[in-house]
Full PDB file with SEQRES, HELIX, SHEET, SSBOND, CRYST1, ORIGX, SCALE, CONECT and MASTER records, all heavy atoms in Angstrom:
SEQRES   1 A   32  TYR ALA ASP GLY GLU ILE GLU HIS ILE ASP GLY ILE SER          
SEQRES   2 A   32  ILE SER TYR GLU ASP TRP HIS PHE ASN VAL ARG ALA SER          
SEQRES   3 A   32  ASN THR GLU PRO LEU LEU                                      
SHEET    1 AA1 3 GLU A   5  GLU A   7  0                                        
SHEET    2 AA1 3 ILE A  12  SER A  15 -1                                        
SHEET    3 AA1 3 HIS A  20  VAL A  23 -1                                        
CRYST1    1.000    1.000    1.000  90.00  90.00  90.00 P 1           1          
ORIGX1      1.000000  0.000000  0.000000        0.00000                         
ORIGX2      0.000000  1.000000  0.000000        0.00000                         
ORIGX3      0.000000  0.000000  1.000000        0.00000                         
SCALE1      1.000000  0.000000  0.000000        0.00000                         
SCALE2      0.000000  1.000000  0.000000        0.00000                         
SCALE3      0.000000  0.000000  1.000000        0.00000                         
ATOM      1  N   TYR A   1     106.833  80.799 101.105  1.00  0.00           N  
ATOM      2  CA  TYR A   1     107.088  81.622  99.930  1.00  0.00           C  
ATOM      3  C   TYR A   1     108.471  82.302 100.000  1.00  0.00           C  
ATOM      4  O   TYR A   1     108.699  83.409  99.544  1.00  0.00           O  
ATOM      5  CB  TYR A   1     105.988  82.670  99.760  1.00  0.00           C  
ATOM      6  CG  TYR A   1     104.651  82.063  99.403  1.00  0.00           C  
ATOM      7  CD1 TYR A   1     103.674  81.910 100.418  1.00  0.00           C  
ATOM      8  CD2 TYR A   1     104.346  81.679  98.141  1.00  0.00           C  
ATOM      9  CE1 TYR A   1     102.475  81.355 100.113  1.00  0.00           C  
ATOM     10  CE2 TYR A   1     103.124  81.085  97.847  1.00  0.00           C  
ATOM     11  CZ  TYR A   1     102.201  80.899  98.874  1.00  0.00           C  
ATOM     12  OH  TYR A   1     100.975  80.299  98.562  1.00  0.00           O  
ATOM     13  N   ALA A   2     109.426  81.479 100.507  1.00  0.00           N  
ATOM     14  CA  ALA A   2     110.782  81.953 100.704  1.00  0.00           C  
ATOM     15  C   ALA A   2     111.511  82.258  99.345  1.00  0.00           C  
ATOM     16  O   ALA A   2     112.493  82.991  99.285  1.00  0.00           O  
ATOM     17  CB  ALA A   2     111.606  80.986 101.460  1.00  0.00           C  
ATOM     18  N   ASP A   3     110.980  81.695  98.224  1.00  0.00           N  
ATOM     19  CA  ASP A   3     111.585  81.964  96.947  1.00  0.00           C  
ATOM     20  C   ASP A   3     111.186  83.330  96.343  1.00  0.00           C  
ATOM     21  O   ASP A   3     111.746  83.698  95.305  1.00  0.00           O  
ATOM     22  CB  ASP A   3     111.261  80.833  95.984  1.00  0.00           C  
ATOM     23  CG  ASP A   3     109.785  80.683  95.733  1.00  0.00           C  
ATOM     24  OD1 ASP A   3     108.999  81.001  96.628  1.00  0.00           O  
ATOM     25  OD2 ASP A   3     109.399  80.190  94.582  1.00  0.00           O  
ATOM     26  N   GLY A   4     110.200  84.014  96.946  1.00  0.00           N  
ATOM     27  CA  GLY A   4     109.810  85.344  96.513  1.00  0.00           C  
ATOM     28  C   GLY A   4     110.594  86.419  97.115  1.00  0.00           C  
ATOM     29  O   GLY A   4     111.462  86.172  98.028  1.00  0.00           O  
ATOM     30  N   GLU A   5     110.424  87.636  96.640  1.00  0.00           N  
ATOM     31  CA  GLU A   5     111.116  88.812  97.263  1.00  0.00           C  
ATOM     32  C   GLU A   5     110.278  89.243  98.481  1.00  0.00           C  
ATOM     33  O   GLU A   5     109.141  89.637  98.347  1.00  0.00           O  
ATOM     34  CB  GLU A   5     111.240  89.943  96.236  1.00  0.00           C  
ATOM     35  CG  GLU A   5     111.988  91.179  96.787  1.00  0.00           C  
ATOM     36  CD  GLU A   5     111.948  92.245  95.774  1.00  0.00           C  
ATOM     37  OE1 GLU A   5     112.100  91.997  94.549  1.00  0.00           O  
ATOM     38  OE2 GLU A   5     111.787  93.444  96.224  1.00  0.00           O  
ATOM     39  N   ILE A   6     110.822  89.159  99.650  1.00  0.00           N  
ATOM     40  CA  ILE A   6     110.034  89.352 100.905  1.00  0.00           C  
ATOM     41  C   ILE A   6     110.432  90.709 101.559  1.00  0.00           C  
ATOM     42  O   ILE A   6     111.571  91.056 101.645  1.00  0.00           O  
ATOM     43  CB  ILE A   6     110.374  88.191 101.898  1.00  0.00           C  
ATOM     44  CG1 ILE A   6     109.836  86.886 101.369  1.00  0.00           C  
ATOM     45  CG2 ILE A   6     109.702  88.470 103.276  1.00  0.00           C  
ATOM     46  CD1 ILE A   6     110.164  85.659 102.200  1.00  0.00           C  
ATOM     47  N   GLU A   7     109.417  91.441 101.976  1.00  0.00           N  
ATOM     48  CA  GLU A   7     109.520  92.667 102.738  1.00  0.00           C  
ATOM     49  C   GLU A   7     108.663  92.632 103.972  1.00  0.00           C  
ATOM     50  O   GLU A   7     107.574  92.049 103.935  1.00  0.00           O  
ATOM     51  CB  GLU A   7     109.170  93.861 101.885  1.00  0.00           C  
ATOM     52  CG  GLU A   7     110.114  94.178 100.712  1.00  0.00           C  
ATOM     53  CD  GLU A   7     109.675  95.357  99.912  1.00  0.00           C  
ATOM     54  OE1 GLU A   7     108.507  95.305  99.413  1.00  0.00           O  
ATOM     55  OE2 GLU A   7     110.418  96.259  99.737  1.00  0.00           O  
ATOM     56  N   HIS A   8     109.141  93.252 105.009  1.00  0.00           N  
ATOM     57  CA  HIS A   8     108.358  93.265 106.288  1.00  0.00           C  
ATOM     58  C   HIS A   8     108.065  94.744 106.660  1.00  0.00           C  
ATOM     59  O   HIS A   8     108.282  95.117 107.822  1.00  0.00           O  
ATOM     60  CB  HIS A   8     109.111  92.588 107.434  1.00  0.00           C  
ATOM     61  CG  HIS A   8     109.246  91.092 107.198  1.00  0.00           C  
ATOM     62  ND1 HIS A   8     108.230  90.218 107.501  1.00  0.00           N  
ATOM     63  CD2 HIS A   8     110.268  90.324 106.761  1.00  0.00           C  
ATOM     64  CE1 HIS A   8     108.634  88.998 107.250  1.00  0.00           C  
ATOM     65  NE2 HIS A   8     109.831  89.003 106.835  1.00  0.00           N  
ATOM     66  N   ILE A   9     107.600  95.506 105.754  1.00  0.00           N  
ATOM     67  CA  ILE A   9     107.232  96.889 106.069  1.00  0.00           C  
ATOM     68  C   ILE A   9     106.065  96.987 106.988  1.00  0.00           C  
ATOM     69  O   ILE A   9     106.006  97.724 107.955  1.00  0.00           O  
ATOM     70  CB  ILE A   9     106.979  97.715 104.729  1.00  0.00           C  
ATOM     71  CG1 ILE A   9     108.212  97.755 103.859  1.00  0.00           C  
ATOM     72  CG2 ILE A   9     106.499  99.136 105.106  1.00  0.00           C  
ATOM     73  CD1 ILE A   9     107.959  98.217 102.449  1.00  0.00           C  
ATOM     74  N   ASP A  10     105.032  96.143 106.667  1.00  0.00           N  
ATOM     75  CA  ASP A  10     103.802  96.062 107.453  1.00  0.00           C  
ATOM     76  C   ASP A  10     103.209  94.700 107.174  1.00  0.00           C  
ATOM     77  O   ASP A  10     102.761  94.437 106.126  1.00  0.00           O  
ATOM     78  CB  ASP A  10     102.849  97.166 106.995  1.00  0.00           C  
ATOM     79  CG  ASP A  10     101.600  97.326 107.934  1.00  0.00           C  
ATOM     80  OD1 ASP A  10     101.439  96.454 108.788  1.00  0.00           O  
ATOM     81  OD2 ASP A  10     100.892  98.337 107.820  1.00  0.00           O  
ATOM     82  N   GLY A  11     103.281  93.831 108.179  1.00  0.00           N  
ATOM     83  CA  GLY A  11     102.977  92.394 107.991  1.00  0.00           C  
ATOM     84  C   GLY A  11     104.058  91.831 107.074  1.00  0.00           C  
ATOM     85  O   GLY A  11     105.245  92.068 107.273  1.00  0.00           O  
ATOM     86  N   ILE A  12     103.689  91.080 106.077  1.00  0.00           N  
ATOM     87  CA  ILE A  12     104.616  90.460 105.106  1.00  0.00           C  
ATOM     88  C   ILE A  12     104.150  90.758 103.698  1.00  0.00           C  
ATOM     89  O   ILE A  12     102.929  90.582 103.359  1.00  0.00           O  
ATOM     90  CB  ILE A  12     104.817  88.989 105.411  1.00  0.00           C  
ATOM     91  CG1 ILE A  12     105.918  88.449 104.497  1.00  0.00           C  
ATOM     92  CG2 ILE A  12     103.510  88.184 105.153  1.00  0.00           C  
ATOM     93  CD1 ILE A  12     106.409  87.035 104.881  1.00  0.00           C  
ATOM     94  N   SER A  13     105.040  91.259 102.863  1.00  0.00           N  
ATOM     95  CA  SER A  13     104.746  91.474 101.424  1.00  0.00           C  
ATOM     96  C   SER A  13     105.725  90.562 100.636  1.00  0.00           C  
ATOM     97  O   SER A  13     106.934  90.594 100.866  1.00  0.00           O  
ATOM     98  CB  SER A  13     105.007  92.935 101.018  1.00  0.00           C  
ATOM     99  OG  SER A  13     104.138  93.848 101.736  1.00  0.00           O  
ATOM    100  N   ILE A  14     105.162  89.811  99.688  1.00  0.00           N  
ATOM    101  CA  ILE A  14     105.987  88.939  98.919  1.00  0.00           C  
ATOM    102  C   ILE A  14     105.662  89.127  97.419  1.00  0.00           C  
ATOM    103  O   ILE A  14     104.517  89.143  96.969  1.00  0.00           O  
ATOM    104  CB  ILE A  14     105.632  87.457  99.250  1.00  0.00           C  
ATOM    105  CG1 ILE A  14     106.023  87.203 100.810  1.00  0.00           C  
ATOM    106  CG2 ILE A  14     106.452  86.424  98.403  1.00  0.00           C  
ATOM    107  CD1 ILE A  14     105.784  85.830 101.277  1.00  0.00           C  
ATOM    108  N   SER A  15     106.741  89.311  96.634  1.00  0.00           N  
ATOM    109  CA  SER A  15     106.595  89.682  95.203  1.00  0.00           C  
ATOM    110  C   SER A  15     107.262  88.636  94.296  1.00  0.00           C  
ATOM    111  O   SER A  15     108.373  88.144  94.579  1.00  0.00           O  
ATOM    112  CB  SER A  15     107.228  91.035  94.923  1.00  0.00           C  
ATOM    113  OG  SER A  15     106.614  92.022  95.699  1.00  0.00           O  
ATOM    114  N   TYR A  16     106.551  88.257  93.269  1.00  0.00           N  
ATOM    115  CA  TYR A  16     107.137  87.513  92.172  1.00  0.00           C  
ATOM    116  C   TYR A  16     107.057  88.390  90.902  1.00  0.00           C  
ATOM    117  O   TYR A  16     106.499  89.519  90.961  1.00  0.00           O  
ATOM    118  CB  TYR A  16     106.377  86.183  91.955  1.00  0.00           C  
ATOM    119  CG  TYR A  16     106.553  85.278  93.171  1.00  0.00           C  
ATOM    120  CD1 TYR A  16     105.652  85.348  94.238  1.00  0.00           C  
ATOM    121  CD2 TYR A  16     107.582  84.367  93.185  1.00  0.00           C  
ATOM    122  CE1 TYR A  16     105.809  84.515  95.339  1.00  0.00           C  
ATOM    123  CE2 TYR A  16     107.752  83.507  94.261  1.00  0.00           C  
ATOM    124  CZ  TYR A  16     106.843  83.580  95.384  1.00  0.00           C  
ATOM    125  OH  TYR A  16     107.020  82.735  96.478  1.00  0.00           O  
ATOM    126  N   GLU A  17     107.464  87.834  89.739  1.00  0.00           N  
ATOM    127  CA  GLU A  17     107.540  88.618  88.532  1.00  0.00           C  
ATOM    128  C   GLU A  17     106.145  89.109  88.116  1.00  0.00           C  
ATOM    129  O   GLU A  17     105.937  90.238  87.623  1.00  0.00           O  
ATOM    130  CB  GLU A  17     108.209  87.865  87.400  1.00  0.00           C  
ATOM    131  CG  GLU A  17     108.641  88.709  86.245  1.00  0.00           C  
ATOM    132  CD  GLU A  17     109.567  87.965  85.282  1.00  0.00           C  
ATOM    133  OE1 GLU A  17     110.545  87.264  85.757  1.00  0.00           O  
ATOM    134  OE2 GLU A  17     109.301  88.077  84.095  1.00  0.00           O  
ATOM    135  N   ASP A  18     105.113  88.226  88.235  1.00  0.00           N  
ATOM    136  CA  ASP A  18     103.823  88.582  87.646  1.00  0.00           C  
ATOM    137  C   ASP A  18     102.658  88.575  88.717  1.00  0.00           C  
ATOM    138  O   ASP A  18     101.582  88.641  88.375  1.00  0.00           O  
ATOM    139  CB  ASP A  18     103.488  87.648  86.515  1.00  0.00           C  
ATOM    140  CG  ASP A  18     103.412  86.194  86.918  1.00  0.00           C  
ATOM    141  OD1 ASP A  18     103.934  85.845  88.084  1.00  0.00           O  
ATOM    142  OD2 ASP A  18     102.924  85.376  86.148  1.00  0.00           O  
ATOM    143  N   TRP A  19     103.080  88.445  90.008  1.00  0.00           N  
ATOM    144  CA  TRP A  19     102.053  88.579  91.061  1.00  0.00           C  
ATOM    145  C   TRP A  19     102.730  88.887  92.368  1.00  0.00           C  
ATOM    146  O   TRP A  19     103.956  88.731  92.537  1.00  0.00           O  
ATOM    147  CB  TRP A  19     101.242  87.265  91.153  1.00  0.00           C  
ATOM    148  CG  TRP A  19     101.945  86.030  91.720  1.00  0.00           C  
ATOM    149  CD1 TRP A  19     102.924  85.348  91.069  1.00  0.00           C  
ATOM    150  CD2 TRP A  19     101.770  85.446  92.993  1.00  0.00           C  
ATOM    151  NE1 TRP A  19     103.366  84.311  91.891  1.00  0.00           N  
ATOM    152  CE2 TRP A  19     102.669  84.381  93.041  1.00  0.00           C  
ATOM    153  CE3 TRP A  19     100.902  85.731  94.075  1.00  0.00           C  
ATOM    154  CZ2 TRP A  19     102.753  83.534  94.177  1.00  0.00           C  
ATOM    155  CZ3 TRP A  19     101.006  84.885  95.200  1.00  0.00           C  
ATOM    156  CH2 TRP A  19     101.922  83.825  95.265  1.00  0.00           C  
ATOM    157  N   HIS A  20     101.944  89.434  93.269  1.00  0.00           N  
ATOM    158  CA  HIS A  20     102.484  89.763  94.618  1.00  0.00           C  
ATOM    159  C   HIS A  20     101.316  89.833  95.613  1.00  0.00           C  
ATOM    160  O   HIS A  20     100.153  89.970  95.203  1.00  0.00           O  
ATOM    161  CB  HIS A  20     103.234  91.145  94.581  1.00  0.00           C  
ATOM    162  CG  HIS A  20     102.355  92.318  94.394  1.00  0.00           C  
ATOM    163  ND1 HIS A  20     102.213  93.281  95.304  1.00  0.00           N  
ATOM    164  CD2 HIS A  20     101.528  92.624  93.303  1.00  0.00           C  
ATOM    165  CE1 HIS A  20     101.410  94.255  94.839  1.00  0.00           C  
ATOM    166  NE2 HIS A  20     100.993  93.880  93.643  1.00  0.00           N  
ATOM    167  N   PHE A  21     101.649  89.779  96.891  1.00  0.00           N  
ATOM    168  CA  PHE A  21     100.603  89.859  97.880  1.00  0.00           C  
ATOM    169  C   PHE A  21     101.162  90.456  99.229  1.00  0.00           C  
ATOM    170  O   PHE A  21     102.403  90.414  99.485  1.00  0.00           O  
ATOM    171  CB  PHE A  21      99.902  88.549  98.130  1.00  0.00           C  
ATOM    172  CG  PHE A  21     100.780  87.452  98.805  1.00  0.00           C  
ATOM    173  CD1 PHE A  21     100.723  87.281 100.180  1.00  0.00           C  
ATOM    174  CD2 PHE A  21     101.606  86.654  98.034  1.00  0.00           C  
ATOM    175  CE1 PHE A  21     101.481  86.300 100.765  1.00  0.00           C  
ATOM    176  CE2 PHE A  21     102.366  85.660  98.580  1.00  0.00           C  
ATOM    177  CZ  PHE A  21     102.349  85.407  99.958  1.00  0.00           C  
ATOM    178  N   ASN A  22     100.209  90.963  99.959  1.00  0.00           N  
ATOM    179  CA  ASN A  22     100.518  91.430 101.336  1.00  0.00           C  
ATOM    180  C   ASN A  22      99.566  90.768 102.385  1.00  0.00           C  
ATOM    181  O   ASN A  22      98.377  90.699 102.047  1.00  0.00           O  
ATOM    182  CB  ASN A  22     100.419  92.985 101.409  1.00  0.00           C  
ATOM    183  CG  ASN A  22     100.521  93.516 102.912  1.00  0.00           C  
ATOM    184  OD1 ASN A  22      99.489  93.608 103.550  1.00  0.00           O  
ATOM    185  ND2 ASN A  22     101.713  93.613 103.366  1.00  0.00           N  
ATOM    186  N   VAL A  23     100.104  90.278 103.471  1.00  0.00           N  
ATOM    187  CA  VAL A  23      99.287  89.728 104.511  1.00  0.00           C  
ATOM    188  C   VAL A  23      99.687  90.552 105.793  1.00  0.00           C  
ATOM    189  O   VAL A  23     100.840  90.596 106.155  1.00  0.00           O  
ATOM    190  CB  VAL A  23      99.498  88.237 104.754  1.00  0.00           C  
ATOM    191  CG1 VAL A  23      98.731  87.741 105.897  1.00  0.00           C  
ATOM    192  CG2 VAL A  23      99.049  87.442 103.440  1.00  0.00           C  
ATOM    193  N   ARG A  24      98.707  91.093 106.454  1.00  0.00           N  
ATOM    194  CA  ARG A  24      98.962  91.797 107.731  1.00  0.00           C  
ATOM    195  C   ARG A  24      97.839  91.527 108.725  1.00  0.00           C  
ATOM    196  O   ARG A  24      96.695  91.231 108.307  1.00  0.00           O  
ATOM    197  CB  ARG A  24      99.095  93.295 107.424  1.00  0.00           C  
ATOM    198  CG  ARG A  24      97.965  93.959 106.678  1.00  0.00           C  
ATOM    199  CD  ARG A  24      98.203  95.409 106.330  1.00  0.00           C  
ATOM    200  NE  ARG A  24      98.244  96.288 107.474  1.00  0.00           N  
ATOM    201  CZ  ARG A  24      97.173  96.803 108.061  1.00  0.00           C  
ATOM    202  NH1 ARG A  24      95.971  96.486 107.589  1.00  0.00           N  
ATOM    203  NH2 ARG A  24      97.262  97.574 109.092  1.00  0.00           N  
ATOM    204  N   ALA A  25      98.254  91.616 109.933  1.00  0.00           N  
ATOM    205  CA  ALA A  25      97.304  91.402 111.074  1.00  0.00           C  
ATOM    206  C   ALA A  25      96.399  92.566 111.255  1.00  0.00           C  
ATOM    207  O   ALA A  25      96.915  93.681 111.182  1.00  0.00           O  
ATOM    208  CB  ALA A  25      98.018  90.991 112.314  1.00  0.00           C  
ATOM    209  N   SER A  26      95.124  92.298 111.627  1.00  0.00           N  
ATOM    210  CA  SER A  26      94.244  93.386 112.068  1.00  0.00           C  
ATOM    211  C   SER A  26      94.736  93.967 113.334  1.00  0.00           C  
ATOM    212  O   SER A  26      95.366  93.254 114.206  1.00  0.00           O  
ATOM    213  CB  SER A  26      92.851  92.805 112.260  1.00  0.00           C  
ATOM    214  OG  SER A  26      92.069  93.721 113.079  1.00  0.00           O  
ATOM    215  N   ASN A  27      94.549  95.272 113.489  1.00  0.00           N  
ATOM    216  CA  ASN A  27      94.950  95.878 114.800  1.00  0.00           C  
ATOM    217  C   ASN A  27      93.978  95.623 115.926  1.00  0.00           C  
ATOM    218  O   ASN A  27      94.286  95.835 117.087  1.00  0.00           O  
ATOM    219  CB  ASN A  27      95.064  97.443 114.628  1.00  0.00           C  
ATOM    220  CG  ASN A  27      96.355  97.830 113.828  1.00  0.00           C  
ATOM    221  OD1 ASN A  27      97.431  97.441 114.172  1.00  0.00           O  
ATOM    222  ND2 ASN A  27      96.103  98.547 112.738  1.00  0.00           N  
ATOM    223  N   THR A  28      92.844  95.089 115.579  1.00  0.00           N  
ATOM    224  CA  THR A  28      91.766  95.032 116.616  1.00  0.00           C  
ATOM    225  C   THR A  28      91.174  93.591 116.790  1.00  0.00           C  
ATOM    226  O   THR A  28      90.519  93.317 117.741  1.00  0.00           O  
ATOM    227  CB  THR A  28      90.547  95.937 116.273  1.00  0.00           C  
ATOM    228  OG1 THR A  28      90.169  95.671 114.897  1.00  0.00           O  
ATOM    229  CG2 THR A  28      91.032  97.406 116.361  1.00  0.00           C  
ATOM    230  N   GLU A  29      91.414  92.692 115.844  1.00  0.00           N  
ATOM    231  CA  GLU A  29      90.823  91.382 115.899  1.00  0.00           C  
ATOM    232  C   GLU A  29      91.812  90.312 115.484  1.00  0.00           C  
ATOM    233  O   GLU A  29      92.803  90.583 114.794  1.00  0.00           O  
ATOM    234  CB  GLU A  29      89.607  91.316 114.937  1.00  0.00           C  
ATOM    235  CG  GLU A  29      88.543  92.324 115.113  1.00  0.00           C  
ATOM    236  CD  GLU A  29      87.556  92.359 113.972  1.00  0.00           C  
ATOM    237  OE1 GLU A  29      86.522  91.583 113.998  1.00  0.00           O  
ATOM    238  OE2 GLU A  29      87.781  93.094 112.995  1.00  0.00           O  
ATOM    239  N   PRO A  30      91.555  89.017 115.827  1.00  0.00           N  
ATOM    240  CA  PRO A  30      92.499  87.923 115.431  1.00  0.00           C  
ATOM    241  C   PRO A  30      92.296  87.568 113.971  1.00  0.00           C  
ATOM    242  O   PRO A  30      91.919  86.498 113.638  1.00  0.00           O  
ATOM    243  CB  PRO A  30      92.120  86.818 116.370  1.00  0.00           C  
ATOM    244  CG  PRO A  30      90.687  86.998 116.634  1.00  0.00           C  
ATOM    245  CD  PRO A  30      90.463  88.521 116.698  1.00  0.00           C  
ATOM    246  N   LEU A  31      92.503  88.515 113.104  1.00  0.00           N  
ATOM    247  CA  LEU A  31      92.289  88.365 111.639  1.00  0.00           C  
ATOM    248  C   LEU A  31      93.599  88.620 110.887  1.00  0.00           C  
ATOM    249  O   LEU A  31      94.425  89.405 111.294  1.00  0.00           O  
ATOM    250  CB  LEU A  31      91.263  89.345 111.070  1.00  0.00           C  
ATOM    251  CG  LEU A  31      89.861  89.311 111.621  1.00  0.00           C  
ATOM    252  CD1 LEU A  31      89.018  90.424 111.039  1.00  0.00           C  
ATOM    253  CD2 LEU A  31      89.209  87.961 111.256  1.00  0.00           C  
ATOM    254  N   LEU A  32      93.770  87.884 109.802  1.00  0.00           N  
ATOM    255  CA  LEU A  32      94.797  88.246 108.796  1.00  0.00           C  
ATOM    256  C   LEU A  32      94.037  88.775 107.541  1.00  0.00           C  
ATOM    257  O   LEU A  32      93.066  88.250 107.107  1.00  0.00           O  
ATOM    258  CB  LEU A  32      95.621  87.064 108.411  1.00  0.00           C  
ATOM    259  CG  LEU A  32      96.696  86.601 109.444  1.00  0.00           C  
ATOM    260  CD1 LEU A  32      97.479  85.379 108.873  1.00  0.00           C  
ATOM    261  CD2 LEU A  32      97.668  87.729 109.747  1.00  0.00           C  
TER     262      LEU A  32                                                      
MASTER        0    0    0    0    3    0    0    6  261    1    0    3          
END                                                                             
């Protein structure tokens, strides 16, 4: 998703004009 606006405040946040998402790792388990 390199064509979106990317931030690494906590995990990865990616924004487009009409949608966005954040993916971050769990602190305790092998989960995203």
